[in-house]
Amino acid sequence: MNRRSLLLALPLLSLSLATLAQTQSDNILTLYVPYPPGGPSDVFARALTPGLGRQLHRTIIVENLAGASGSIAASKLLSRGNTADAVLFGSPTELVMAPAILKAVKYQPSDFRLVSLISKPPLGVYVRADLPANSIDELVAYAKANKDKPLNYGSVGIGSVYHLAGDALVRAVGVNMTHVPYRGATPLLQDLMGGQLDLAFFPVDGNLAKMTTGGKMRVIGIAGPTRSPLFPNAGTFAESSTLPKFTTVDVWGGIFTSKATSDSAVQVLHRAVQAAMTEPETRKAMELAAGVPLMPPMTLDQLANFYSVEITRYQEAAKRANLEAN
C-alpha cells in the first residue's frame, strides 16, 4: 500500500474501530448491586446473571457499589440517564428508606421502575452462637436482665430495612440497644458469626440458612405470620408471650431501571428476566438462594402497583421510627 492509499484508509480504519467499540459497549449490561459480594442481594443477582445474559444475548457485568445504605449504587444507575445498559438489584433500603432518612440522598423512589420482583422473604432474628437466648421470650428476658450491658444489633446502614426492624425491636422491648451500621451484609455477618455482634434482622433465605449450619449463628425468631420451613424450630413473634403483637416491615428485592428508560427497553428486560427464571439452571440457582419456591411472575402493571404500595408503606414506617439522619 502506497502512502496515498494509506492516508485514505486511515479515516475508514478509525471509523471501523469506533463502530466496533460502540458495538461491544452496546452488548454489555451492567447490573449494580448496592452491597459487597456475598450478601443476599449479591447472591440473587449472580444467580440470575447467566440466564439473563443468555436471554438478552448480552454480557452481564455485576458491579458491587457499597456504602450510604445502598444509595451509591442507586445514584450511579440514575447517572446513566435513559440508556438501557444498566439495571439495579434494588430493595426498600436504598430505593425508599435512604431518600427518606439520609439528607445527602437527592433522588426519590419514583425515579426508579420495577422490572421484576425476585424475592420477598420475611425477616428473621439472627444471633451470635453463644448468646444465651433460644427464643424471642428468652431474648427479651436477657436484654432486660442486662441493662447495664446493652445488646448491640447490626444493619447494612442507617435507615436500612434492618435498622428499621432493629429500632422497632428496641422500642418494643423497652431497653436500650446499640445500633452498629455496616457497609453491607458480608462484614456484618462476619462479625455476627465471630461473636463481635449480638444480633441482627436479616432475610430468611436459603443462602443464610446454609451459613447457620456451621453453628456460628442461629435464628431464634421469625418476623412473619408463619414459621419458616428453613428454620422450623424458630417461633414467630406472634407465638411469643412477651411480644405477640410485634410487627415490622418485610423485605424484597428485584431488578430496577431508571424511570427515564424507554417503555420498549423495559418490556425487553422484563420478558428476558421472566424467561431466565424459567430456565431450569437459573431456576435451580434462584431456588437454592431463596430456599423456598419462587414467587409467581407479575406483569409490569402489577409490579408498578406493588412498588407504589410499598413506597407508601415504607415512608410511613420511616416517619414513625424517626431514625437518625445524616
C-alpha atoms as a PDB file:
ATOM      1  CA  MET A   1       0.000   0.000   0.000  1.00  0.00           C
ATOM      2  CA  ASN A   2       1.453   3.382  -1.030  1.00  0.00           C
ATOM      3  CA  ARG A   3       1.395   6.487   1.153  1.00  0.00           C
ATOM      4  CA  ARG A   4      -1.675   7.976  -0.578  1.00  0.00           C
ATOM      5  CA  SER A   5      -3.709   4.771  -0.188  1.00  0.00           C
ATOM      6  CA  LEU A   6      -2.703   4.518   3.470  1.00  0.00           C
ATOM      7  CA  LEU A   7      -3.794   8.066   4.187  1.00  0.00           C
ATOM      8  CA  LEU A   8      -7.142   7.419   2.518  1.00  0.00           C
ATOM      9  CA  ALA A   9      -7.623   4.212   4.520  1.00  0.00           C
ATOM     10  CA  LEU A  10      -6.906   5.748   7.948  1.00  0.00           C
ATOM     11  CA  PRO A  11     -10.282   7.508   8.355  1.00  0.00           C
ATOM     12  CA  LEU A  12     -12.075   4.292   7.371  1.00  0.00           C
ATOM     13  CA  LEU A  13      -9.994   2.310   9.882  1.00  0.00           C
ATOM     14  CA  SER A  14     -10.764   4.806  12.651  1.00  0.00           C
ATOM     15  CA  LEU A  15     -14.457   4.627  11.822  1.00  0.00           C
ATOM     16  CA  SER A  16     -14.378   0.816  11.882  1.00  0.00           C
ATOM     17  CA  LEU A  17     -12.642   0.752  15.271  1.00  0.00           C
ATOM     18  CA  ALA A  18     -15.124   3.251  16.678  1.00  0.00           C
ATOM     19  CA  THR A  19     -18.037   1.195  15.359  1.00  0.00           C
ATOM     20  CA  LEU A  20     -16.559  -1.979  16.869  1.00  0.00           C
ATOM     21  CA  ALA A  21     -16.064  -0.283  20.246  1.00  0.00           C
ATOM     22  CA  GLN A  22     -19.636   1.011  20.187  1.00  0.00           C
ATOM     23  CA  THR A  23     -20.970  -2.448  19.273  1.00  0.00           C
ATOM     24  CA  GLN A  24     -19.043  -4.042  22.131  1.00  0.00           C
ATOM     25  CA  SER A  25     -20.321  -1.383  24.539  1.00  0.00           C
ATOM     26  CA  ASP A  26     -23.923  -1.898  23.399  1.00  0.00           C
ATOM     27  CA  ASN A  27     -23.566  -5.605  24.125  1.00  0.00           C
ATOM     28  CA  ILE A  28     -22.789  -5.053  27.830  1.00  0.00           C
ATOM     29  CA  LEU A  29     -25.400  -4.689  30.572  1.00  0.00           C
ATOM     30  CA  THR A  30     -24.163  -3.584  33.997  1.00  0.00           C
ATOM     31  CA  LEU A  31     -26.057  -4.945  36.996  1.00  0.00           C
ATOM     32  CA  TYR A  32     -25.375  -2.776  40.039  1.00  0.00           C
ATOM     33  CA  VAL A  33     -25.534  -4.439  43.460  1.00  0.00           C
ATOM     34  CA  PRO A  34     -25.612  -1.927  46.356  1.00  0.00           C
ATOM     35  CA  TYR A  35     -23.614  -4.118  48.750  1.00  0.00           C
ATOM     36  CA  PRO A  36     -20.347  -6.101  48.853  1.00  0.00           C
ATOM     37  CA  PRO A  37     -20.036  -9.575  47.315  1.00  0.00           C
ATOM     38  CA  GLY A  38     -21.512 -12.434  49.321  1.00  0.00           C
ATOM     39  CA  GLY A  39     -24.589 -10.689  50.742  1.00  0.00           C
ATOM     40  CA  PRO A  40     -28.202 -11.664  49.960  1.00  0.00           C
ATOM     41  CA  SER A  41     -28.621  -9.151  47.112  1.00  0.00           C
ATOM     42  CA  ASP A  42     -25.339 -10.196  45.524  1.00  0.00           C
ATOM     43  CA  VAL A  43     -26.198 -13.903  45.713  1.00  0.00           C
ATOM     44  CA  PHE A  44     -29.546 -13.420  43.967  1.00  0.00           C
ATOM     45  CA  ALA A  45     -28.043 -11.100  41.355  1.00  0.00           C
ATOM     46  CA  ARG A  46     -25.293 -13.561  40.432  1.00  0.00           C
ATOM     47  CA  ALA A  47     -27.734 -16.474  40.333  1.00  0.00           C
ATOM     48  CA  LEU A  48     -29.815 -14.573  37.772  1.00  0.00           C
ATOM     49  CA  THR A  49     -26.960 -13.214  35.661  1.00  0.00           C
ATOM     50  CA  PRO A  50     -26.103 -16.244  33.455  1.00  0.00           C
ATOM     51  CA  GLY A  51     -29.720 -16.824  32.397  1.00  0.00           C
ATOM     52  CA  LEU A  52     -30.380 -13.129  31.847  1.00  0.00           C
ATOM     53  CA  GLY A  53     -27.288 -12.890  29.664  1.00  0.00           C
ATOM     54  CA  ARG A  54     -28.468 -15.792  27.542  1.00  0.00           C
ATOM     55  CA  GLN A  55     -31.937 -14.307  27.110  1.00  0.00           C
ATOM     56  CA  LEU A  56     -30.648 -10.852  26.150  1.00  0.00           C
ATOM     57  CA  HIS A  57     -27.654 -12.150  24.158  1.00  0.00           C
ATOM     58  CA  ARG A  58     -25.571  -9.672  26.113  1.00  0.00           C
ATOM     59  CA  THR A  59     -22.669  -9.799  28.538  1.00  0.00           C
ATOM     60  CA  ILE A  60     -23.860  -9.056  32.093  1.00  0.00           C
ATOM     61  CA  ILE A  61     -21.324  -7.434  34.404  1.00  0.00           C
ATOM     62  CA  VAL A  62     -22.145  -7.388  38.119  1.00  0.00           C
ATOM     63  CA  GLU A  63     -20.701  -4.299  39.809  1.00  0.00           C
ATOM     64  CA  ASN A  64     -20.810  -4.057  43.607  1.00  0.00           C
ATOM     65  CA  LEU A  65     -21.063  -0.470  44.867  1.00  0.00           C
ATOM     66  CA  ALA A  66     -21.426  -0.486  48.645  1.00  0.00           C
ATOM     67  CA  GLY A  67     -21.992   2.421  51.002  1.00  0.00           C
ATOM     68  CA  ALA A  68     -24.514   5.008  52.227  1.00  0.00           C
ATOM     69  CA  SER A  69     -27.267   2.420  52.768  1.00  0.00           C
ATOM     70  CA  GLY A  70     -27.075   1.384  49.125  1.00  0.00           C
ATOM     71  CA  SER A  71     -27.667   4.863  47.740  1.00  0.00           C
ATOM     72  CA  ILE A  72     -24.292   4.988  45.957  1.00  0.00           C
ATOM     73  CA  ALA A  73     -25.341   2.221  43.572  1.00  0.00           C
ATOM     74  CA  ALA A  74     -28.826   3.682  43.124  1.00  0.00           C
ATOM     75  CA  SER A  75     -27.368   7.099  42.310  1.00  0.00           C
ATOM     76  CA  LYS A  76     -24.937   5.514  39.861  1.00  0.00           C
ATOM     77  CA  LEU A  77     -27.826   3.942  37.962  1.00  0.00           C
ATOM     78  CA  LEU A  78     -29.637   7.266  37.669  1.00  0.00           C
ATOM     79  CA  SER A  79     -26.461   8.983  36.489  1.00  0.00           C
ATOM     80  CA  ARG A  80     -26.528   6.753  33.408  1.00  0.00           C
ATOM     81  CA  GLY A  81     -29.613   8.593  32.153  1.00  0.00           C
ATOM     82  CA  ASN A  82     -32.189   6.961  29.899  1.00  0.00           C
ATOM     83  CA  THR A  83     -29.901   4.270  28.489  1.00  0.00           C
ATOM     84  CA  ALA A  84     -30.875   0.611  28.786  1.00  0.00           C
ATOM     85  CA  ASP A  85     -27.330  -0.564  29.505  1.00  0.00           C
ATOM     86  CA  ALA A  86     -27.608  -0.689  33.315  1.00  0.00           C
ATOM     87  CA  VAL A  87     -30.003  -2.043  35.922  1.00  0.00           C
ATOM     88  CA  LEU A  88     -30.029  -2.251  39.709  1.00  0.00           C
ATOM     89  CA  PHE A  89     -30.760  -5.109  42.067  1.00  0.00           C
ATOM     90  CA  GLY A  90     -32.810  -2.939  44.381  1.00  0.00           C
ATOM     91  CA  SER A  91     -34.544  -3.269  47.737  1.00  0.00           C
ATOM     92  CA  PRO A  92     -36.548  -0.934  50.017  1.00  0.00           C
ATOM     93  CA  THR A  93     -33.362   0.080  51.840  1.00  0.00           C
ATOM     94  CA  GLU A  94     -31.745   2.058  49.029  1.00  0.00           C
ATOM     95  CA  LEU A  95     -34.840   2.918  46.980  1.00  0.00           C
ATOM     96  CA  VAL A  96     -37.251   4.113  49.680  1.00  0.00           C
ATOM     97  CA  MET A  97     -35.556   4.294  53.087  1.00  0.00           C
ATOM     98  CA  ALA A  98     -32.327   6.036  52.023  1.00  0.00           C
ATOM     99  CA  PRO A  99     -34.064   9.077  50.469  1.00  0.00           C
ATOM    100  CA  ALA A 100     -36.447   9.222  53.446  1.00  0.00           C
ATOM    101  CA  ILE A 101     -33.671   9.150  56.065  1.00  0.00           C
ATOM    102  CA  LEU A 102     -30.404  10.416  54.562  1.00  0.00           C
ATOM    103  CA  LYS A 103     -30.240  14.132  53.783  1.00  0.00           C
ATOM    104  CA  ALA A 104     -27.434  13.639  51.263  1.00  0.00           C
ATOM    105  CA  VAL A 105     -29.622  11.440  49.045  1.00  0.00           C
ATOM    106  CA  LYS A 106     -31.386  13.605  46.468  1.00  0.00           C
ATOM    107  CA  TYR A 107     -33.318  11.053  44.408  1.00  0.00           C
ATOM    108  CA  GLN A 108     -36.858   9.836  45.075  1.00  0.00           C
ATOM    109  CA  PRO A 109     -38.358   6.308  44.947  1.00  0.00           C
ATOM    110  CA  SER A 110     -40.380   7.375  41.905  1.00  0.00           C
ATOM    111  CA  ASP A 111     -37.140   7.833  39.937  1.00  0.00           C
ATOM    112  CA  PHE A 112     -36.969   4.042  39.571  1.00  0.00           C
ATOM    113  CA  ARG A 113     -39.109   1.449  37.833  1.00  0.00           C
ATOM    114  CA  LEU A 114     -39.524  -2.151  38.966  1.00  0.00           C
ATOM    115  CA  VAL A 115     -38.859  -4.593  36.119  1.00  0.00           C
ATOM    116  CA  SER A 116     -39.119  -7.868  38.011  1.00  0.00           C
ATOM    117  CA  LEU A 117     -39.645  -8.920  41.632  1.00  0.00           C
ATOM    118  CA  ILE A 118     -37.116 -11.616  42.553  1.00  0.00           C
ATOM    119  CA  SER A 119     -37.581 -12.375  46.252  1.00  0.00           C
ATOM    120  CA  LYS A 120     -39.817 -11.403  49.165  1.00  0.00           C
ATOM    121  CA  PRO A 121     -38.738 -13.269  52.306  1.00  0.00           C
ATOM    122  CA  PRO A 122     -39.729 -12.493  55.905  1.00  0.00           C
ATOM    123  CA  LEU A 123     -37.121 -11.203  58.334  1.00  0.00           C
ATOM    124  CA  GLY A 124     -35.559 -13.392  60.986  1.00  0.00           C
ATOM    125  CA  VAL A 125     -33.721 -12.556  64.204  1.00  0.00           C
ATOM    126  CA  TYR A 126     -30.177 -13.889  63.772  1.00  0.00           C
ATOM    127  CA  VAL A 127     -27.997 -14.059  66.895  1.00  0.00           C
ATOM    128  CA  ARG A 128     -24.397 -14.994  67.696  1.00  0.00           C
ATOM    129  CA  ALA A 129     -23.910 -18.655  68.548  1.00  0.00           C
ATOM    130  CA  ASP A 130     -23.247 -18.173  72.256  1.00  0.00           C
ATOM    131  CA  LEU A 131     -25.962 -15.622  73.031  1.00  0.00           C
ATOM    132  CA  PRO A 132     -27.899 -17.159  75.961  1.00  0.00           C
ATOM    133  CA  ALA A 133     -31.301 -16.927  74.280  1.00  0.00           C
ATOM    134  CA  ASN A 134     -33.104 -19.541  72.179  1.00  0.00           C
ATOM    135  CA  SER A 135     -36.386 -17.717  71.591  1.00  0.00           C
ATOM    136  CA  ILE A 136     -37.878 -14.249  71.423  1.00  0.00           C
ATOM    137  CA  ASP A 137     -39.039 -14.510  75.046  1.00  0.00           C
ATOM    138  CA  GLU A 138     -35.562 -15.507  76.214  1.00  0.00           C
ATOM    139  CA  LEU A 139     -34.013 -12.663  74.205  1.00  0.00           C
ATOM    140  CA  VAL A 140     -36.346 -10.147  75.844  1.00  0.00           C
ATOM    141  CA  ALA A 141     -35.612 -11.559  79.295  1.00  0.00           C
ATOM    142  CA  TYR A 142     -31.854 -11.469  78.697  1.00  0.00           C
ATOM    143  CA  ALA A 143     -31.934  -7.880  77.380  1.00  0.00           C
ATOM    144  CA  LYS A 144     -33.920  -6.691  80.401  1.00  0.00           C
ATOM    145  CA  ALA A 145     -31.699  -8.540  82.858  1.00  0.00           C
ATOM    146  CA  ASN A 146     -28.551  -6.979  81.371  1.00  0.00           C
ATOM    147  CA  LYS A 147     -29.481  -3.325  81.013  1.00  0.00           C
ATOM    148  CA  ASP A 148     -26.021  -2.349  82.230  1.00  0.00           C
ATOM    149  CA  LYS A 149     -24.518  -4.192  79.256  1.00  0.00           C
ATOM    150  CA  PRO A 150     -26.816  -3.309  76.335  1.00  0.00           C
ATOM    151  CA  LEU A 151     -27.005  -5.711  73.423  1.00  0.00           C
ATOM    152  CA  ASN A 152     -25.896  -4.437  70.034  1.00  0.00           C
ATOM    153  CA  TYR A 153     -27.651  -5.044  66.734  1.00  0.00           C
ATOM    154  CA  GLY A 154     -26.295  -4.613  63.233  1.00  0.00           C
ATOM    155  CA  SER A 155     -27.664  -3.294  59.961  1.00  0.00           C
ATOM    156  CA  VAL A 156     -26.366  -2.522  56.471  1.00  0.00           C
ATOM    157  CA  GLY A 157     -26.599   1.195  57.173  1.00  0.00           C
ATOM    158  CA  ILE A 158     -28.574   3.958  58.848  1.00  0.00           C
ATOM    159  CA  GLY A 159     -32.101   3.973  57.505  1.00  0.00           C
ATOM    160  CA  SER A 160     -31.875   0.440  56.119  1.00  0.00           C
ATOM    161  CA  VAL A 161     -34.718  -2.052  56.480  1.00  0.00           C
ATOM    162  CA  TYR A 162     -32.659  -3.895  59.078  1.00  0.00           C
ATOM    163  CA  HIS A 163     -32.068  -0.695  61.049  1.00  0.00           C
ATOM    164  CA  LEU A 164     -35.795  -0.024  60.961  1.00  0.00           C
ATOM    165  CA  ALA A 165     -36.578  -3.532  62.226  1.00  0.00           C
ATOM    166  CA  GLY A 166     -33.925  -3.355  64.933  1.00  0.00           C
ATOM    167  CA  ASP A 167     -35.187   0.026  66.109  1.00  0.00           C
ATOM    168  CA  ALA A 168     -38.725  -1.359  66.281  1.00  0.00           C
ATOM    169  CA  LEU A 169     -37.469  -4.250  68.429  1.00  0.00           C
ATOM    170  CA  VAL A 170     -35.681  -1.861  70.794  1.00  0.00           C
ATOM    171  CA  ARG A 171     -38.860   0.158  71.239  1.00  0.00           C
ATOM    172  CA  ALA A 172     -40.944  -2.963  71.766  1.00  0.00           C
ATOM    173  CA  VAL A 173     -38.584  -4.465  74.369  1.00  0.00           C
ATOM    174  CA  GLY A 174     -38.227  -1.136  76.151  1.00  0.00           C
ATOM    175  CA  VAL A 175     -34.487  -1.311  76.854  1.00  0.00           C
ATOM    176  CA  ASN A 176     -31.528   0.327  75.195  1.00  0.00           C
ATOM    177  CA  MET A 177     -29.616  -1.499  72.449  1.00  0.00           C
ATOM    178  CA  THR A 178     -26.727  -0.135  70.400  1.00  0.00           C
ATOM    179  CA  HIS A 179     -27.109   0.161  66.639  1.00  0.00           C
ATOM    180  CA  VAL A 180     -23.991  -0.790  64.651  1.00  0.00           C
ATOM    181  CA  PRO A 181     -24.210   0.171  60.933  1.00  0.00           C
ATOM    182  CA  TYR A 182     -22.105  -1.670  58.337  1.00  0.00           C
ATOM    183  CA  ARG A 183     -21.383  -1.104  54.639  1.00  0.00           C
ATOM    184  CA  GLY A 184     -23.032  -4.381  53.704  1.00  0.00           C
ATOM    185  CA  ALA A 185     -24.229  -7.787  54.801  1.00  0.00           C
ATOM    186  CA  THR A 186     -20.903  -9.593  54.418  1.00  0.00           C
ATOM    187  CA  PRO A 187     -18.894  -7.690  57.073  1.00  0.00           C
ATOM    188  CA  LEU A 188     -21.959  -7.681  59.352  1.00  0.00           C
ATOM    189  CA  LEU A 189     -22.361 -11.449  59.110  1.00  0.00           C
ATOM    190  CA  GLN A 190     -18.645 -11.946  59.684  1.00  0.00           C
ATOM    191  CA  ASP A 191     -18.871 -10.036  62.972  1.00  0.00           C
ATOM    192  CA  LEU A 192     -22.072 -11.822  63.974  1.00  0.00           C
ATOM    193  CA  MET A 193     -20.532 -15.240  63.378  1.00  0.00           C
ATOM    194  CA  GLY A 194     -17.324 -14.060  65.037  1.00  0.00           C
ATOM    195  CA  GLY A 195     -19.195 -13.089  68.195  1.00  0.00           C
ATOM    196  CA  GLN A 196     -18.491  -9.339  67.968  1.00  0.00           C
ATOM    197  CA  LEU A 197     -22.158  -8.591  67.232  1.00  0.00           C
ATOM    198  CA  ASP A 198     -25.126  -9.818  69.278  1.00  0.00           C
ATOM    199  CA  LEU A 199     -27.981  -9.879  66.789  1.00  0.00           C
ATOM    200  CA  ALA A 200     -29.397  -8.621  63.509  1.00  0.00           C
ATOM    201  CA  PHE A 201     -32.555  -8.830  61.454  1.00  0.00           C
ATOM    202  CA  PHE A 202     -31.902 -10.480  58.095  1.00  0.00           C
ATOM    203  CA  PRO A 203     -33.934 -12.185  55.368  1.00  0.00           C
ATOM    204  CA  VAL A 204     -34.901 -15.791  55.961  1.00  0.00           C
ATOM    205  CA  ASP A 205     -33.493 -17.347  52.793  1.00  0.00           C
ATOM    206  CA  GLY A 206     -31.583 -20.375  51.598  1.00  0.00           C
ATOM    207  CA  ASN A 207     -28.205 -18.686  51.407  1.00  0.00           C
ATOM    208  CA  LEU A 208     -28.308 -17.505  55.016  1.00  0.00           C
ATOM    209  CA  ALA A 209     -29.767 -20.828  56.146  1.00  0.00           C
ATOM    210  CA  LYS A 210     -26.623 -22.524  54.835  1.00  0.00           C
ATOM    211  CA  MET A 211     -24.493 -20.091  56.818  1.00  0.00           C
ATOM    212  CA  THR A 212     -26.165 -21.154  60.068  1.00  0.00           C
ATOM    213  CA  THR A 213     -25.266 -24.808  59.590  1.00  0.00           C
ATOM    214  CA  GLY A 214     -21.754 -24.193  60.901  1.00  0.00           C
ATOM    215  CA  GLY A 215     -23.191 -23.291  64.283  1.00  0.00           C
ATOM    216  CA  LYS A 216     -21.675 -19.803  64.378  1.00  0.00           C
ATOM    217  CA  MET A 217     -25.040 -18.034  64.328  1.00  0.00           C
ATOM    218  CA  ARG A 218     -28.649 -19.015  64.937  1.00  0.00           C
ATOM    219  CA  VAL A 219     -32.175 -17.860  64.101  1.00  0.00           C
ATOM    220  CA  ILE A 220     -34.397 -17.536  67.163  1.00  0.00           C
ATOM    221  CA  GLY A 221     -37.460 -15.769  65.768  1.00  0.00           C
ATOM    222  CA  ILE A 222     -39.396 -15.038  62.593  1.00  0.00           C
ATOM    223  CA  ALA A 223     -40.972 -11.636  61.908  1.00  0.00           C
ATOM    224  CA  GLY A 224     -43.660 -13.102  59.693  1.00  0.00           C
ATOM    225  CA  PRO A 225     -47.132 -14.617  60.008  1.00  0.00           C
ATOM    226  CA  THR A 226     -45.928 -18.237  59.941  1.00  0.00           C
ATOM    227  CA  ARG A 227     -42.837 -20.250  60.765  1.00  0.00           C
ATOM    228  CA  SER A 228     -40.296 -20.758  58.008  1.00  0.00           C
ATOM    229  CA  PRO A 229     -39.588 -24.241  56.644  1.00  0.00           C
ATOM    230  CA  LEU A 230     -35.922 -23.222  56.672  1.00  0.00           C
ATOM    231  CA  PHE A 231     -35.985 -22.774  60.458  1.00  0.00           C
ATOM    232  CA  PRO A 232     -38.930 -24.851  61.722  1.00  0.00           C
ATOM    233  CA  ASN A 233     -37.824 -24.565  65.352  1.00  0.00           C
ATOM    234  CA  ALA A 234     -37.791 -20.765  65.317  1.00  0.00           C
ATOM    235  CA  GLY A 235     -41.133 -19.416  66.521  1.00  0.00           C
ATOM    236  CA  THR A 236     -42.837 -16.301  65.236  1.00  0.00           C
ATOM    237  CA  PHE A 237     -43.236 -13.163  67.304  1.00  0.00           C
ATOM    238  CA  ALA A 238     -46.975 -13.924  67.411  1.00  0.00           C
ATOM    239  CA  GLU A 239     -46.167 -17.148  69.253  1.00  0.00           C
ATOM    240  CA  SER A 240     -44.176 -15.348  71.959  1.00  0.00           C
ATOM    241  CA  SER A 241     -45.683 -14.307  75.269  1.00  0.00           C
ATOM    242  CA  THR A 242     -43.701 -11.062  75.552  1.00  0.00           C
ATOM    243  CA  LEU A 243     -44.041  -9.524  72.060  1.00  0.00           C
ATOM    244  CA  PRO A 244     -47.061 -11.201  70.415  1.00  0.00           C
ATOM    245  CA  LYS A 245     -48.144  -8.005  68.658  1.00  0.00           C
ATOM    246  CA  PHE A 246     -44.704  -7.040  67.368  1.00  0.00           C
ATOM    247  CA  THR A 247     -44.685  -6.316  63.640  1.00  0.00           C
ATOM    248  CA  THR A 248     -42.127  -4.843  61.319  1.00  0.00           C
ATOM    249  CA  VAL A 249     -41.599  -4.433  57.603  1.00  0.00           C
ATOM    250  CA  ASP A 250     -40.555  -7.369  55.463  1.00  0.00           C
ATOM    251  CA  VAL A 251     -38.022  -7.108  52.690  1.00  0.00           C
ATOM    252  CA  TRP A 252     -37.960  -7.694  48.953  1.00  0.00           C
ATOM    253  CA  GLY A 253     -35.511  -7.482  46.101  1.00  0.00           C
ATOM    254  CA  GLY A 254     -35.881  -7.023  42.375  1.00  0.00           C
ATOM    255  CA  ILE A 255     -34.495  -5.665  39.140  1.00  0.00           C
ATOM    256  CA  PHE A 256     -34.965  -1.925  38.632  1.00  0.00           C
ATOM    257  CA  THR A 257     -34.269   0.524  35.853  1.00  0.00           C
ATOM    258  CA  SER A 258     -34.227   4.288  35.815  1.00  0.00           C
ATOM    259  CA  LYS A 259     -37.680   5.739  35.235  1.00  0.00           C
ATOM    260  CA  ALA A 260     -36.176   7.509  32.215  1.00  0.00           C
ATOM    261  CA  THR A 261     -35.631   4.172  30.458  1.00  0.00           C
ATOM    262  CA  SER A 262     -37.959   3.745  27.484  1.00  0.00           C
ATOM    263  CA  ASP A 263     -41.039   1.520  27.742  1.00  0.00           C
ATOM    264  CA  SER A 264     -39.777  -0.674  24.930  1.00  0.00           C
ATOM    265  CA  ALA A 265     -36.457  -1.287  26.697  1.00  0.00           C
ATOM    266  CA  VAL A 266     -38.254  -2.038  29.981  1.00  0.00           C
ATOM    267  CA  GLN A 267     -40.507  -4.538  28.235  1.00  0.00           C
ATOM    268  CA  VAL A 268     -37.484  -6.291  26.717  1.00  0.00           C
ATOM    269  CA  LEU A 269     -35.798  -6.505  30.124  1.00  0.00           C
ATOM    270  CA  HIS A 270     -38.998  -7.704  31.785  1.00  0.00           C
ATOM    271  CA  ARG A 271     -39.506 -10.505  29.264  1.00  0.00           C
ATOM    272  CA  ALA A 272     -35.842 -11.505  29.500  1.00  0.00           C
ATOM    273  CA  VAL A 273     -35.887 -11.774  33.303  1.00  0.00           C
ATOM    274  CA  GLN A 274     -39.125 -13.762  33.253  1.00  0.00           C
ATOM    275  CA  ALA A 275     -37.719 -16.118  30.614  1.00  0.00           C
ATOM    276  CA  ALA A 276     -34.443 -16.510  32.511  1.00  0.00           C
ATOM    277  CA  MET A 277     -36.376 -17.500  35.637  1.00  0.00           C
ATOM    278  CA  THR A 278     -37.965 -20.385  33.740  1.00  0.00           C
ATOM    279  CA  GLU A 279     -34.631 -21.840  32.641  1.00  0.00           C
ATOM    280  CA  PRO A 280     -34.008 -24.986  34.719  1.00  0.00           C
ATOM    281  CA  GLU A 281     -30.419 -23.998  35.536  1.00  0.00           C
ATOM    282  CA  THR A 282     -31.304 -20.451  36.572  1.00  0.00           C
ATOM    283  CA  ARG A 283     -34.416 -21.524  38.455  1.00  0.00           C
ATOM    284  CA  LYS A 284     -32.443 -24.110  40.419  1.00  0.00           C
ATOM    285  CA  ALA A 285     -29.842 -21.486  41.393  1.00  0.00           C
ATOM    286  CA  MET A 286     -32.521 -18.978  42.388  1.00  0.00           C
ATOM    287  CA  GLU A 287     -34.487 -21.524  44.436  1.00  0.00           C
ATOM    288  CA  LEU A 288     -31.279 -22.563  46.163  1.00  0.00           C
ATOM    289  CA  ALA A 289     -30.659 -18.930  47.091  1.00  0.00           C
ATOM    290  CA  ALA A 290     -34.256 -18.430  48.230  1.00  0.00           C
ATOM    291  CA  GLY A 291     -34.618 -21.756  49.998  1.00  0.00           C
ATOM    292  CA  VAL A 292     -38.336 -21.724  49.189  1.00  0.00           C
ATOM    293  CA  PRO A 293     -40.416 -21.771  45.972  1.00  0.00           C
ATOM    294  CA  LEU A 294     -40.026 -18.636  43.880  1.00  0.00           C
ATOM    295  CA  MET A 295     -42.725 -16.004  43.639  1.00  0.00           C
ATOM    296  CA  PRO A 296     -45.140 -16.252  40.701  1.00  0.00           C
ATOM    297  CA  PRO A 297     -44.411 -13.848  37.826  1.00  0.00           C
ATOM    298  CA  MET A 298     -46.098 -10.441  37.756  1.00  0.00           C
ATOM    299  CA  THR A 299     -46.985  -8.165  34.859  1.00  0.00           C
ATOM    300  CA  LEU A 300     -45.419  -4.726  34.586  1.00  0.00           C
ATOM    301  CA  ASP A 301     -48.712  -3.161  35.703  1.00  0.00           C
ATOM    302  CA  GLN A 302     -48.826  -5.430  38.745  1.00  0.00           C
ATOM    303  CA  LEU A 303     -45.215  -4.598  39.536  1.00  0.00           C
ATOM    304  CA  ALA A 304     -45.926  -0.863  39.290  1.00  0.00           C
ATOM    305  CA  ASN A 305     -48.845  -1.206  41.698  1.00  0.00           C
ATOM    306  CA  PHE A 306     -46.774  -3.318  44.112  1.00  0.00           C
ATOM    307  CA  TYR A 307     -43.947  -0.775  44.135  1.00  0.00           C
ATOM    308  CA  SER A 308     -46.343   2.148  44.654  1.00  0.00           C
ATOM    309  CA  VAL A 309     -47.932   0.457  47.686  1.00  0.00           C
ATOM    310  CA  GLU A 310     -44.531  -0.432  49.135  1.00  0.00           C
ATOM    311  CA  ILE A 311     -43.250   3.138  48.765  1.00  0.00           C
ATOM    312  CA  THR A 312     -46.147   4.431  50.862  1.00  0.00           C
ATOM    313  CA  ARG A 313     -45.762   1.663  53.449  1.00  0.00           C
ATOM    314  CA  TYR A 314     -42.056   2.218  53.955  1.00  0.00           C
ATOM    315  CA  GLN A 315     -42.280   6.004  54.003  1.00  0.00           C
ATOM    316  CA  GLU A 316     -44.901   5.781  56.743  1.00  0.00           C
ATOM    317  CA  ALA A 317     -42.712   3.341  58.675  1.00  0.00           C
ATOM    318  CA  ALA A 318     -39.744   5.696  58.369  1.00  0.00           C
ATOM    319  CA  LYS A 319     -41.780   8.616  59.757  1.00  0.00           C
ATOM    320  CA  ARG A 320     -42.978   6.548  62.712  1.00  0.00           C
ATOM    321  CA  ALA A 321     -39.458   5.367  63.530  1.00  0.00           C
ATOM    322  CA  ASN A 322     -37.854   8.825  63.267  1.00  0.00           C
ATOM    323  CA  LEU A 323     -34.465   7.211  62.667  1.00  0.00           C
ATOM    324  CA  GLU A 324     -31.248   9.166  62.900  1.00  0.00           C
ATOM    325  CA  ALA A 325     -30.441  11.030  59.674  1.00  0.00           C
ATOM    326  CA  ASN A 326     -27.186  12.459  58.426  1.00  0.00           C
END
